[in-house]
Amino acid sequence: MFGCRGRACDVLELTEANWASKLAEQPYFIMFYAPWCGHCKTLAPKLKNAAKKAKGLGFGIAAVDVEPNQSIQQMFPDIKGFPSLKYVNHPKGKKSIDYNGAREGDDVLQWTKDTFVRTGGALQAPIEAKAFSELYTFFGRAALDDLPVLFAVGSDKEPPKWLASLHGDLKEKPKDAPKESPEAETKRLLGEAKKATKLAEVREGIVGVLETLASAEKAKAGKRKALYSTTYASDADTAAAFNASGAAKGGAYVFALAVDRKNLGNSLVLPYSGNPVEADRRGKLVDAEGVAAFARDASAKVASFKSEFGDAAVALPDIPKPRSVLAAEERAAARKKRATAVHAIASKSDLDANCYALPAAKTCVLGVGASEADLSELAAKYSKEGYSFATVAGDAPVAAALLGDVAAPALVVVKGGKRPRAARSALSGGAGLLDSIAGGGASFAKFSEGLPAWPAAAEPEAEEPAEEEEGDGDEYDL
């Protein structure tokens, strides 16, 4: 029906042999079908698509061929035609819910999600496998979300099911529940109605409403923030980098990572002492309690990994940066280089471009009689405050007017506009002057004759053309 041809199907084929064990693990949206059913064949590929999207959410999509599995059909005597679609969360079929919506994959998936939550389930975030080249981005995003990382490295291509379950269980502690349920009065009235009614059908309906209330309250209580950002890897480069080779099928090496938001290279890795962990035949984690306790403890101490865990917490291996990050870093470095550049002023056009004609957001800082090296440290520290740095030679035509009564080498902060003015200090006190300006305590003195003008260079005199001597000409004359 699902054309898997011997490969593992995203839609689980349930039989009398595996029905009880699979339903004990998680609930399923189930299509009950017969091989000859045309509508079933039409729906099958749509369910396969829904099943792929449902991986790791906490429920599954399954199908039952009722002809060879009569005992399963007998649990559901209301099945009269095919396909019959139900949400089942109990091995004995108790409290199954019929699906009567559109027969489209996305509709089935959304309805199943809603039903799963409505009946007390907590949707789990699907765990995606990452290649070694993708880890830098994943760890960086976790840091931006202010979350540590729970990282598993195994030999299976797909993440083990227990990892999604573990991630779903690792949530913040629930807030103190109110002393009384907000639906307490509703429950009381329904309880009285249940006792008062003489009709079994009404009593069953009231029981259903009470169960829905209980499930809704349970689901609301389950909406808590995850303690970790969780991922999985199985490639050889990751296994080598984390010294995590040789995990058994279904198992993995488990790590908790304290990710440094400012510098990924400062992040720390704490391996689980019981590595590698193993899974049983049903795919469940053997040491689930131990791993969960380890993860909760690491999460609580993530801000002090080194002091809490000592040498057990090791440096994060070198993770390659993706090309997009490298390109962004190059652009940032180029911007910083431009912003912290110290320009050399040697002409009127230089003075205008790098001081007098700066954008309004920039303030001109001149090192008069100073070198580029003298200003480079100040430029690196203060350029982000909106200052633009340049040097002017001590014997430049504008040097004396810029210096005022301060001797070179000096730092001169120039402000133009309607009242051109400058604040000055010896070069050694440059940092103090800039800090004082930022704090509003600096003293500016007006230029008495406006901004010092760099004299225009004398234009070279034009040579008069030489007079031509009259002669016989040459052979090319006409």
Protein backbone atom coordinates (compact mmCIF):
# COMPACT_ATOMS: atom_id res chain seq x y z
CA MET A 1 0.00 0.00 0.00
CA PHE A 2 2.80 2.45 0.90
CA GLY A 3 5.39 1.28 -1.62
CA CYS A 4 8.31 1.15 0.80
CA ARG A 5 9.85 -1.89 -0.97
CA GLY A 6 11.63 -3.32 2.03
CA ARG A 7 12.78 0.04 3.42
CA ALA A 8 11.60 1.50 6.71
CA CYS A 9 8.35 3.41 6.12
CA ASP A 10 7.47 6.77 7.62
CA VAL A 11 3.95 5.34 7.95
CA LEU A 12 4.18 2.50 10.46
CA GLU A 13 2.44 -0.72 9.38
CA LEU A 14 0.73 -2.03 12.53
CA THR A 15 -0.01 -5.73 12.92
CA GLU A 16 -1.24 -8.00 15.66
CA ALA A 17 2.42 -8.68 16.49
CA ASN A 18 3.50 -5.09 17.11
CA TRP A 19 0.22 -3.34 17.95
CA ALA A 20 0.52 -3.43 21.75
CA SER A 21 4.20 -2.48 21.91
CA LYS A 22 3.92 0.42 19.47
CA LEU A 23 0.78 1.88 21.05
CA ALA A 24 2.49 1.66 24.43
CA GLU A 25 5.27 3.93 23.13
CA GLN A 26 3.18 6.77 21.67
CA PRO A 27 -0.27 7.54 20.19
CA TYR A 28 -0.94 7.17 16.46
CA PHE A 29 -3.21 8.52 13.78
CA ILE A 30 -4.24 5.23 12.12
CA MET A 31 -5.74 4.44 8.75
CA PHE A 32 -7.62 1.14 8.80
CA TYR A 33 -7.66 -0.11 5.21
CA ALA A 34 -8.19 -3.03 2.85
CA PRO A 35 -5.72 -3.65 -0.02
CA TRP A 36 -8.49 -3.45 -2.64
CA CYS A 37 -9.77 -0.04 -1.43
CA GLY A 38 -9.28 2.68 -4.06
CA HIS A 39 -9.80 5.58 -1.64
CA CYS A 40 -7.17 4.04 0.66
CA LYS A 41 -4.66 3.95 -2.21
CA THR A 42 -5.37 7.61 -2.93
CA LEU A 43 -4.84 8.62 0.70
CA ALA A 44 -1.67 6.54 1.24
CA PRO A 45 0.89 8.93 -0.34
CA LYS A 46 -0.68 11.89 1.49
CA LEU A 47 -0.25 10.05 4.79
CA LYS A 48 3.38 9.33 3.91
CA ASN A 49 3.96 13.06 3.52
CA ALA A 50 2.23 13.79 6.84
CA ALA A 51 4.26 11.07 8.56
CA LYS A 52 7.55 12.64 7.47
CA LYS A 53 6.51 15.95 9.01
CA ALA A 54 5.31 14.24 12.20
CA LYS A 55 8.70 12.72 13.03
CA GLY A 56 9.79 13.57 16.54
CA LEU A 57 6.61 15.42 17.53
CA GLY A 58 5.52 12.80 20.05
CA PHE A 59 2.99 10.86 17.95
CA GLY A 60 3.08 8.80 14.78
CA ILE A 61 1.13 8.04 11.61
CA ALA A 62 0.27 4.37 11.10
CA ALA A 63 -1.89 2.01 9.05
CA VAL A 64 -3.54 -1.37 9.62
CA ASP A 65 -4.48 -3.87 6.92
CA VAL A 66 -7.59 -5.26 8.60
CA GLU A 67 -7.83 -8.46 6.53
CA PRO A 68 -4.89 -10.30 8.17
CA ASN A 69 -5.36 -8.45 11.50
CA GLN A 70 -8.91 -9.31 12.51
CA SER A 71 -8.26 -9.04 16.25
CA ILE A 72 -7.32 -5.37 15.84
CA GLN A 73 -10.48 -4.61 13.88
CA GLN A 74 -12.54 -6.29 16.60
CA MET A 75 -11.44 -3.57 19.03
CA PHE A 76 -13.29 -1.09 16.83
CA PRO A 77 -16.72 -2.54 15.99
CA ASP A 78 -17.79 0.78 14.44
CA ILE A 79 -15.48 0.23 11.45
CA LYS A 80 -17.91 -0.42 8.58
CA GLY A 81 -15.99 0.92 5.57
CA PHE A 82 -12.57 1.96 4.36
CA PRO A 83 -10.56 3.92 4.95
CA SER A 84 -11.53 4.36 8.60
CA LEU A 85 -9.40 7.02 10.29
CA LYS A 86 -8.84 7.21 14.04
CA TYR A 87 -6.56 8.74 16.66
CA VAL A 88 -5.62 5.92 19.05
CA ASN A 89 -3.64 6.41 22.25
CA HIS A 90 -4.23 3.13 24.08
CA PRO A 91 -3.21 -0.44 23.15
CA LYS A 92 -6.78 -1.62 23.74
CA GLY A 93 -8.27 1.13 21.62
CA LYS A 94 -9.89 2.93 24.54
CA LYS A 95 -10.96 6.54 23.99
CA SER A 96 -10.06 6.48 20.30
CA ILE A 97 -11.22 9.55 18.36
CA ASP A 98 -12.65 9.42 14.84
CA TYR A 99 -11.27 11.72 12.14
CA ASN A 100 -13.88 13.10 9.75
CA GLY A 101 -11.91 15.97 8.21
CA ALA A 102 -10.44 16.55 4.77
CA ARG A 103 -8.35 13.70 3.40
CA GLU A 104 -5.24 15.78 2.84
CA GLY A 105 -1.87 15.26 4.49
CA ASP A 106 -1.61 18.73 6.05
CA ASP A 107 -5.18 18.58 7.39
CA VAL A 108 -4.52 15.17 8.95
CA LEU A 109 -1.27 16.40 10.52
CA GLN A 110 -2.78 19.57 11.99
CA TRP A 111 -5.79 17.71 13.38
CA THR A 112 -3.53 15.09 14.94
CA LYS A 113 -1.33 17.78 16.52
CA ASP A 114 -4.41 19.48 18.00
CA THR A 115 -5.82 16.19 19.24
CA PHE A 116 -2.49 15.17 20.74
CA VAL A 117 -2.27 18.41 22.72
CA ARG A 118 -5.98 18.37 23.63
CA THR A 119 -5.61 14.89 25.13
CA GLY A 120 -2.66 15.88 27.31
CA GLY A 121 0.31 15.43 24.98
CA ALA A 122 3.18 17.91 24.80
CA LEU A 123 4.41 18.51 21.27
CA GLN A 124 8.10 17.76 21.03
CA ALA A 125 10.43 19.76 18.81
CA PRO A 126 11.74 17.48 16.07
CA ILE A 127 15.47 16.87 16.37
CA GLU A 128 17.36 17.44 13.14
CA ALA A 129 20.70 15.82 12.34
CA LYS A 130 23.47 18.31 11.61
CA ALA A 131 26.69 17.90 9.64
CA PHE A 132 29.99 19.10 11.11
CA SER A 133 29.87 22.13 8.81
CA GLU A 134 26.44 23.12 10.22
CA LEU A 135 27.32 23.02 13.92
CA TYR A 136 28.80 26.53 14.10
CA THR A 137 25.51 28.06 12.99
CA PHE A 138 23.42 25.83 15.26
CA PHE A 139 25.56 26.55 18.34
CA GLY A 140 25.52 30.27 17.55
CA ARG A 141 21.74 30.36 17.33
CA ALA A 142 21.46 28.50 20.63
CA ALA A 143 23.69 31.14 22.21
CA LEU A 144 21.47 33.93 20.83
CA ASP A 145 18.48 32.14 22.37
CA ASP A 146 20.42 32.02 25.65
CA LEU A 147 20.18 28.22 25.75
CA PRO A 148 22.83 25.56 26.40
CA VAL A 149 23.07 22.74 23.86
CA LEU A 150 22.29 19.08 24.43
CA PHE A 151 24.34 17.29 21.79
CA ALA A 152 24.31 13.60 20.86
CA VAL A 153 26.78 11.94 18.48
CA GLY A 154 25.91 8.47 17.21
CA SER A 155 26.46 6.14 14.30
CA ASP A 156 22.86 6.05 12.98
CA LYS A 157 22.01 8.48 10.22
CA GLU A 158 18.75 9.62 11.86
CA PRO A 159 18.50 10.94 15.45
CA PRO A 160 17.32 8.27 17.91
CA LYS A 161 13.72 8.61 19.09
CA TRP A 162 14.78 8.80 22.72
CA LEU A 163 16.63 12.08 22.03
CA ALA A 164 13.41 13.89 21.08
CA SER A 165 11.70 12.39 24.10
CA LEU A 166 14.55 13.48 26.37
CA HIS A 167 14.46 16.98 24.91
CA GLY A 168 10.71 17.15 25.48
CA ASP A 169 11.10 16.11 29.12
CA LEU A 170 13.82 18.68 29.84
CA LYS A 171 11.64 21.69 30.59
CA GLU A 172 11.68 24.40 33.21
CA LYS A 173 10.08 23.46 36.49
CA PRO A 174 6.37 24.23 36.45
CA LYS A 175 5.20 27.33 38.21
CA ASP A 176 3.27 26.83 41.40
CA ALA A 177 -0.18 25.67 40.38
CA PRO A 178 -3.13 27.68 41.70
CA LYS A 179 -4.65 26.23 44.84
CA GLU A 180 -7.92 25.67 43.02
CA SER A 181 -8.51 24.86 39.37
CA PRO A 182 -10.07 27.78 37.45
CA GLU A 183 -12.59 25.22 36.18
CA ALA A 184 -13.44 23.93 39.66
CA GLU A 185 -17.00 25.28 39.55
CA THR A 186 -17.53 23.79 36.07
CA LYS A 187 -16.33 20.41 37.32
CA ARG A 188 -18.60 20.60 40.37
CA LEU A 189 -21.67 21.34 38.27
CA LEU A 190 -20.83 18.58 35.78
CA GLY A 191 -20.34 16.17 38.68
CA GLU A 192 -23.78 16.97 40.02
CA ALA A 193 -25.29 16.59 36.54
CA LYS A 194 -23.60 13.22 36.17
CA LYS A 195 -25.17 12.02 39.41
CA ALA A 196 -28.58 13.47 38.55
CA THR A 197 -29.02 12.12 35.02
CA LYS A 198 -30.91 8.88 34.42
CA LEU A 199 -29.66 8.45 30.86
CA ALA A 200 -26.48 6.48 30.22
CA GLU A 201 -25.77 8.43 27.03
CA VAL A 202 -25.87 11.74 28.90
CA ARG A 203 -23.65 10.32 31.64
CA GLU A 204 -21.08 9.22 29.05
CA GLY A 205 -21.18 12.67 27.46
CA ILE A 206 -20.52 14.37 30.80
CA VAL A 207 -17.63 11.99 31.48
CA GLY A 208 -16.19 12.98 28.09
CA VAL A 209 -16.40 16.69 28.94
CA LEU A 210 -14.72 16.11 32.30
CA GLU A 211 -11.93 14.19 30.60
CA THR A 212 -11.49 17.00 28.08
CA LEU A 213 -11.20 19.53 30.92
CA ALA A 214 -8.58 17.41 32.66
CA SER A 215 -6.61 16.99 29.43
CA ALA A 216 -6.73 20.73 28.68
CA GLU A 217 -5.42 21.59 32.14
CA LYS A 218 -2.66 19.00 31.79
CA ALA A 219 -1.68 20.38 28.38
CA LYS A 220 -1.59 23.94 29.73
CA ALA A 221 0.65 22.87 32.58
CA GLY A 222 2.94 21.16 30.06
CA LYS A 223 3.68 24.40 28.16
CA ARG A 224 7.06 25.15 29.70
CA LYS A 225 10.29 26.52 28.24
CA ALA A 226 12.85 23.99 27.03
CA LEU A 227 16.08 23.79 29.01
CA TYR A 228 18.18 23.02 25.92
CA SER A 229 18.58 23.50 22.23
CA THR A 230 19.12 19.90 21.11
CA THR A 231 20.75 18.40 18.05
CA TYR A 232 22.42 15.24 16.75
CA ALA A 233 25.28 14.36 14.41
CA SER A 234 26.63 11.14 12.97
CA ASP A 235 29.29 12.15 10.43
CA ALA A 236 32.91 11.07 10.81
CA ASP A 237 34.28 14.63 11.24
CA THR A 238 32.00 15.32 14.20
CA ALA A 239 32.74 11.95 15.79
CA ALA A 240 36.48 12.60 15.48
CA ALA A 241 36.27 16.15 16.84
CA PHE A 242 34.26 15.07 19.91
CA ASN A 243 36.08 11.75 20.34
CA ALA A 244 32.72 10.03 19.99
CA SER A 245 33.24 7.08 17.66
CA GLY A 246 31.80 3.60 18.05
CA ALA A 247 28.34 4.17 19.58
CA ALA A 248 26.08 1.12 19.25
CA LYS A 249 23.00 1.17 17.02
CA GLY A 250 20.37 3.39 18.64
CA GLY A 251 22.91 4.73 21.13
CA ALA A 252 25.07 7.84 21.21
CA TYR A 253 27.59 9.92 23.10
CA VAL A 254 25.79 12.69 25.01
CA PHE A 255 27.25 16.13 25.77
CA ALA A 256 26.04 19.32 27.45
CA LEU A 257 27.50 22.51 25.99
CA ALA A 258 27.76 25.89 27.70
CA VAL A 259 27.88 28.10 24.61
CA ASP A 260 29.67 31.46 24.86
CA ARG A 261 27.57 34.08 23.13
CA LYS A 262 30.44 36.48 22.40
CA ASN A 263 33.08 33.96 21.36
CA LEU A 264 32.17 30.42 20.39
CA GLY A 265 35.76 29.37 20.96
CA ASN A 266 35.31 29.98 24.70
CA SER A 267 32.44 27.46 24.92
CA LEU A 268 32.75 24.42 27.17
CA VAL A 269 31.73 20.79 26.64
CA LEU A 270 30.69 18.43 29.44
CA PRO A 271 30.49 14.74 28.44
CA TYR A 272 28.08 12.41 30.21
CA SER A 273 30.07 10.13 32.50
CA GLY A 274 28.19 7.06 31.24
CA ASN A 275 29.05 7.60 27.56
CA PRO A 276 28.22 6.02 25.21
CA VAL A 277 24.57 5.53 26.18
CA GLU A 278 22.59 2.60 24.77
CA ALA A 279 19.01 1.98 23.65
CA ASP A 280 16.96 -1.16 24.20
CA ARG A 281 15.23 -3.18 21.47
CA ARG A 282 12.29 -0.79 21.47
CA GLY A 283 14.58 2.20 20.94
CA LYS A 284 14.19 3.53 24.47
CA LEU A 285 17.16 4.90 26.37
CA VAL A 286 18.48 2.34 28.86
CA ASP A 287 19.85 4.88 31.35
CA ALA A 288 17.13 7.47 30.81
CA GLU A 289 17.02 8.62 34.44
CA GLY A 290 20.79 9.04 34.64
CA VAL A 291 21.03 11.03 31.41
CA ALA A 292 18.07 13.24 32.39
CA ALA A 293 19.63 13.93 35.81
CA PHE A 294 22.96 14.79 34.15
CA ALA A 295 21.26 17.18 31.72
CA ARG A 296 19.22 18.92 34.43
CA ASP A 297 22.28 19.34 36.64
CA ALA A 298 24.36 20.76 33.77
CA SER A 299 21.57 23.15 32.79
CA ALA A 300 21.33 24.49 36.35
CA LYS A 301 25.10 25.15 36.44
CA VAL A 302 25.66 26.34 32.88
CA ALA A 303 26.83 29.78 34.03
CA SER A 304 29.65 28.24 36.10
CA PHE A 305 30.65 25.12 34.14
CA LYS A 306 34.36 25.36 34.84
CA SER A 307 34.10 25.98 38.56
CA GLU A 308 31.37 23.37 39.02
CA PHE A 309 32.78 20.57 36.89
CA GLY A 310 36.51 21.36 36.80
CA ASP A 311 38.58 19.40 34.29
CA ALA A 312 35.52 17.39 33.22
CA ALA A 313 34.39 20.46 31.27
CA VAL A 314 36.68 20.79 28.24
CA ALA A 315 37.05 23.36 25.50
CA LEU A 316 34.77 23.10 22.48
CA PRO A 317 36.66 21.57 19.54
CA ASP A 318 37.43 23.85 16.60
CA ILE A 319 34.21 24.10 14.59
CA PRO A 320 34.57 25.36 11.01
CA LYS A 321 32.86 28.63 10.28
CA PRO A 322 30.51 28.56 7.28
CA ARG A 323 31.40 30.70 4.29
CA SER A 324 28.58 33.11 5.05
CA VAL A 325 30.05 33.80 8.51
CA LEU A 326 33.56 34.24 7.12
CA ALA A 327 32.24 36.68 4.52
CA ALA A 328 30.35 38.62 7.19
CA GLU A 329 33.48 38.80 9.34
CA GLU A 330 35.49 40.10 6.38
CA ARG A 331 32.89 42.80 5.77
CA ALA A 332 32.88 43.74 9.46
CA ALA A 333 36.68 43.90 9.52
CA ALA A 334 36.66 46.13 6.44
CA ARG A 335 34.08 48.45 8.03
CA LYS A 336 36.12 48.61 11.23
CA LYS A 337 39.28 49.32 9.28
CA ARG A 338 37.56 52.18 7.48
CA ALA A 339 36.05 53.50 10.70
CA THR A 340 39.36 53.38 12.60
CA ALA A 341 41.50 54.68 9.74
CA VAL A 342 43.72 57.66 10.49
CA HIS A 343 43.86 59.96 7.45
CA ALA A 344 46.80 62.18 6.56
CA ILE A 345 45.88 65.78 5.65
CA ALA A 346 48.27 67.45 3.24
CA SER A 347 46.05 69.71 1.15
CA LYS A 348 42.90 71.79 1.17
CA SER A 349 40.90 68.96 -0.39
CA ASP A 350 42.17 66.55 2.29
CA LEU A 351 41.13 68.97 5.04
CA ASP A 352 37.66 69.42 3.59
CA ALA A 353 37.07 65.70 2.94
CA ASN A 354 38.40 64.41 6.28
CA CYS A 355 37.37 67.21 8.64
CA TYR A 356 35.33 70.21 7.53
CA ALA A 357 32.90 68.35 5.25
CA LEU A 358 32.27 65.30 7.43
CA PRO A 359 28.65 64.09 7.87
CA ALA A 360 26.78 65.60 10.82
CA ALA A 361 27.11 62.35 12.79
CA LYS A 362 30.91 62.53 12.64
CA THR A 363 33.25 64.76 14.68
CA CYS A 364 36.69 65.67 13.39
CA VAL A 365 39.70 64.87 15.62
CA LEU A 366 43.04 66.18 14.38
CA GLY A 367 46.46 65.17 15.62
CA VAL A 368 48.51 68.27 14.87
CA GLY A 369 52.19 67.45 14.71
CA ALA A 370 51.28 63.80 15.43
CA SER A 371 51.84 60.63 13.40
CA GLU A 372 49.35 57.97 12.35
CA ALA A 373 50.85 55.64 14.95
CA ASP A 374 50.22 58.29 17.65
CA LEU A 375 46.48 58.27 16.87
CA SER A 376 45.88 54.62 16.00
CA GLU A 377 45.10 53.55 19.58
CA LEU A 378 42.69 56.45 20.10
CA ALA A 379 41.03 55.73 16.75
CA ALA A 380 40.50 52.07 17.65
CA LYS A 381 38.90 53.02 20.97
CA TYR A 382 36.82 56.09 20.05
CA SER A 383 35.87 55.74 16.38
CA LYS A 384 32.67 53.92 17.38
CA GLU A 385 31.69 57.08 19.30
CA GLY A 386 31.43 58.97 16.02
CA TYR A 387 34.94 60.45 15.83
CA SER A 388 36.97 60.59 12.61
CA PHE A 389 40.73 60.86 13.07
CA ALA A 390 43.34 62.58 10.89
CA THR A 391 46.88 63.97 11.19
CA VAL A 392 48.16 67.41 10.22
CA ALA A 393 51.86 68.18 10.03
CA GLY A 394 53.17 70.63 12.62
CA ASP A 395 54.36 73.00 9.86
CA ALA A 396 51.18 72.83 7.78
CA PRO A 397 49.63 76.22 6.81
CA VAL A 398 46.71 75.65 9.20
CA ALA A 399 48.69 74.17 12.09
CA ALA A 400 49.14 77.39 14.10
CA ALA A 401 45.46 78.35 13.87
CA LEU A 402 44.38 74.84 14.86
CA LEU A 403 46.79 74.65 17.81
CA GLY A 404 45.85 77.99 19.37
CA ASP A 405 47.86 78.25 22.57
CA VAL A 406 48.61 74.49 22.81
CA ALA A 407 51.99 73.20 21.69
CA ALA A 408 52.37 70.38 19.16
CA PRO A 409 51.93 67.48 19.21
CA ALA A 410 48.35 68.11 20.25
CA LEU A 411 44.85 66.73 19.82
CA VAL A 412 42.33 69.18 18.38
CA VAL A 413 38.61 68.36 18.20
CA VAL A 414 36.99 70.57 15.58
CA LYS A 415 33.30 71.44 15.34
CA GLY A 416 32.06 73.46 12.39
CA GLY A 417 28.64 74.94 11.73
CA LYS A 418 27.67 78.55 12.43
CA ARG A 419 30.07 78.82 15.39
CA PRO A 420 33.29 77.01 14.40
CA ARG A 421 35.18 76.02 17.54
CA ALA A 422 37.75 73.59 18.90
CA ALA A 423 38.67 71.77 22.08
CA ARG A 424 42.40 71.15 22.55
CA SER A 425 44.79 69.17 24.71
CA ALA A 426 48.30 67.84 24.60
CA LEU A 427 48.48 64.57 22.68
CA SER A 428 49.20 62.68 25.91
CA GLY A 429 45.87 63.87 27.32
CA GLY A 430 43.86 62.96 24.20
CA ALA A 431 41.84 60.17 25.82
CA GLY A 432 40.88 62.43 28.72
CA LEU A 433 39.74 65.15 26.31
CA LEU A 434 37.51 62.76 24.36
CA ASP A 435 36.04 61.32 27.57
CA SER A 436 35.38 64.86 28.79
CA ILE A 437 33.57 65.72 25.56
CA ALA A 438 31.42 62.60 25.92
CA GLY A 439 30.57 63.64 29.47
CA GLY A 440 29.72 67.20 28.45
CA GLY A 441 32.55 68.76 30.46
CA ALA A 442 34.95 69.83 27.71
CA SER A 443 35.58 73.49 26.94
CA PHE A 444 35.45 74.63 23.29
CA ALA A 445 37.00 77.90 22.09
CA LYS A 446 35.72 79.72 19.00
CA PHE A 447 37.94 80.23 16.00
CA SER A 448 38.15 84.01 15.78
CA GLU A 449 38.29 84.01 12.00
CA GLY A 450 36.24 80.92 11.24
CA LEU A 451 37.61 77.53 10.34
CA PRO A 452 41.33 77.76 9.52
CA ALA A 453 41.65 77.86 5.73
CA TRP A 454 44.29 75.97 3.86
CA PRO A 455 45.59 78.42 1.24
CA ALA A 456 44.90 77.44 -2.34
CA ALA A 457 48.05 76.42 -4.19
CA ALA A 458 49.32 79.05 -6.62
CA GLU A 459 48.33 78.16 -10.13
CA PRO A 460 51.36 77.77 -12.43
CA GLU A 461 51.68 80.63 -14.91
CA ALA A 462 50.71 79.72 -18.45
CA GLU A 463 53.58 79.87 -20.90
CA GLU A 464 53.15 82.06 -23.94
CA PRO A 465 53.39 80.14 -27.20
CA ALA A 466 56.69 80.70 -29.07
CA GLU A 467 56.54 82.71 -32.26
CA GLU A 468 57.00 80.67 -35.39
CA GLU A 469 59.87 81.65 -37.63
CA GLU A 470 59.11 82.15 -41.23
CA GLY A 471 60.97 79.76 -43.52
CA ASP A 472 60.80 77.86 -46.72
CA GLY A 473 58.69 75.20 -45.13
CA ASP A 474 59.16 71.56 -45.83
CA GLU A 475 58.06 69.01 -48.29
CA TYR A 476 54.71 68.52 -46.59
CA ASP A 477 53.66 72.17 -46.90
CA LEU A 478 50.97 72.78 -49.42
